[in-house]
Amino acid sequence: MTLPIFPFGLIAKKAGAKRVSADAIEELRDTVEEIGLDIARKAVLISQHSGRRTVQKKDIEFVIKHKMV
C-alpha cells in the first residue's frame, strides 16, 4: 500500500519548507506510512486482547501514549 504523495509535500510546506525535493517527500511518505502501520498493528493486538474485534480510538491513543511505536 502506498499513500498519495501530494499531501506530504503540503505537510512539508506547512512545516515551513520553501522547496522540497521529490526524494524528501517520498521519504516522508514512506516513513509516515511505516509508523502508521506499526501503530495500527499494535492497536489491533490491544483490541483483540480486550476481547474486541473493532479497533477504537482509545487503542490508537494507548499505543501512542505508551510509546509502543
Protein backbone atom coordinates (compact mmCIF):
# COMPACT_ATOMS: atom_id res chain seq x y z
CA MET A 1 0.00 0.00 0.00
CA THR A 2 1.36 3.40 -0.92
CA LEU A 3 -0.23 6.65 0.16
CA PRO A 4 -0.58 9.51 -2.35
CA ILE A 5 2.49 11.74 -2.40
CA PHE A 6 0.86 15.17 -2.82
CA PRO A 7 -0.34 15.64 0.79
CA PHE A 8 3.18 15.07 2.10
CA GLY A 9 4.51 17.96 0.06
CA LEU A 10 1.83 20.11 1.67
CA ILE A 11 2.87 18.89 5.12
CA ALA A 12 6.50 19.83 4.45
CA LYS A 13 5.46 23.27 3.22
CA LYS A 14 3.17 23.76 6.20
CA ALA A 15 6.21 23.00 8.37
CA GLY A 16 7.97 25.94 6.75
CA ALA A 17 9.86 24.46 3.80
CA LYS A 18 10.08 26.79 0.81
CA ARG A 19 11.03 23.98 -1.54
CA VAL A 20 11.04 20.22 -1.07
CA SER A 21 12.71 17.64 -3.29
CA ALA A 22 10.70 14.72 -4.62
CA ASP A 23 13.04 12.33 -2.79
CA ALA A 24 12.40 14.10 0.52
CA ILE A 25 8.64 13.95 0.02
CA GLU A 26 8.80 10.24 -0.83
CA GLU A 27 10.94 9.56 2.25
CA LEU A 28 8.47 11.45 4.45
CA ARG A 29 5.57 9.49 2.96
CA ASP A 30 7.31 6.13 3.40
CA THR A 31 8.27 6.91 6.99
CA VAL A 32 4.79 8.10 7.96
CA GLU A 33 3.25 5.02 6.33
CA GLU A 34 5.64 2.70 8.17
CA ILE A 35 4.95 4.35 11.54
CA GLY A 36 1.19 4.34 10.86
CA LEU A 37 1.20 0.63 10.04
CA ASP A 38 3.16 -0.12 13.20
CA ILE A 39 0.68 1.84 15.32
CA ALA A 40 -2.28 0.14 13.61
CA ARG A 41 -0.85 -3.36 14.10
CA LYS A 42 -0.26 -2.76 17.80
CA ALA A 43 -3.73 -1.24 18.19
CA VAL A 44 -5.21 -4.40 16.63
CA LEU A 45 -3.40 -6.52 19.22
CA ILE A 46 -4.70 -4.31 22.03
CA SER A 47 -8.28 -4.53 20.79
CA GLN A 48 -8.00 -8.32 20.49
CA HIS A 49 -6.55 -8.55 23.99
CA SER A 50 -9.54 -6.54 25.21
CA GLY A 51 -11.89 -9.04 23.57
CA ARG A 52 -12.97 -6.67 20.80
CA ARG A 53 -12.87 -7.06 17.04
CA THR A 54 -13.07 -3.31 16.43
CA VAL A 55 -10.04 -1.06 16.82
CA GLN A 56 -11.13 2.04 18.69
CA LYS A 57 -9.64 5.48 19.09
CA LYS A 58 -8.55 4.57 22.61
CA ASP A 59 -6.42 1.71 21.22
CA ILE A 60 -4.53 4.08 18.93
CA GLU A 61 -4.15 6.59 21.77
CA PHE A 62 -2.83 3.85 24.08
CA VAL A 63 -0.13 2.84 21.60
CA ILE A 64 0.97 6.44 21.12
CA LYS A 65 0.78 7.40 24.81
CA HIS A 66 2.84 4.43 25.91
CA LYS A 67 5.38 4.96 23.12
CA MET A 68 4.92 1.46 21.79
CA VAL A 69 5.99 2.61 18.34
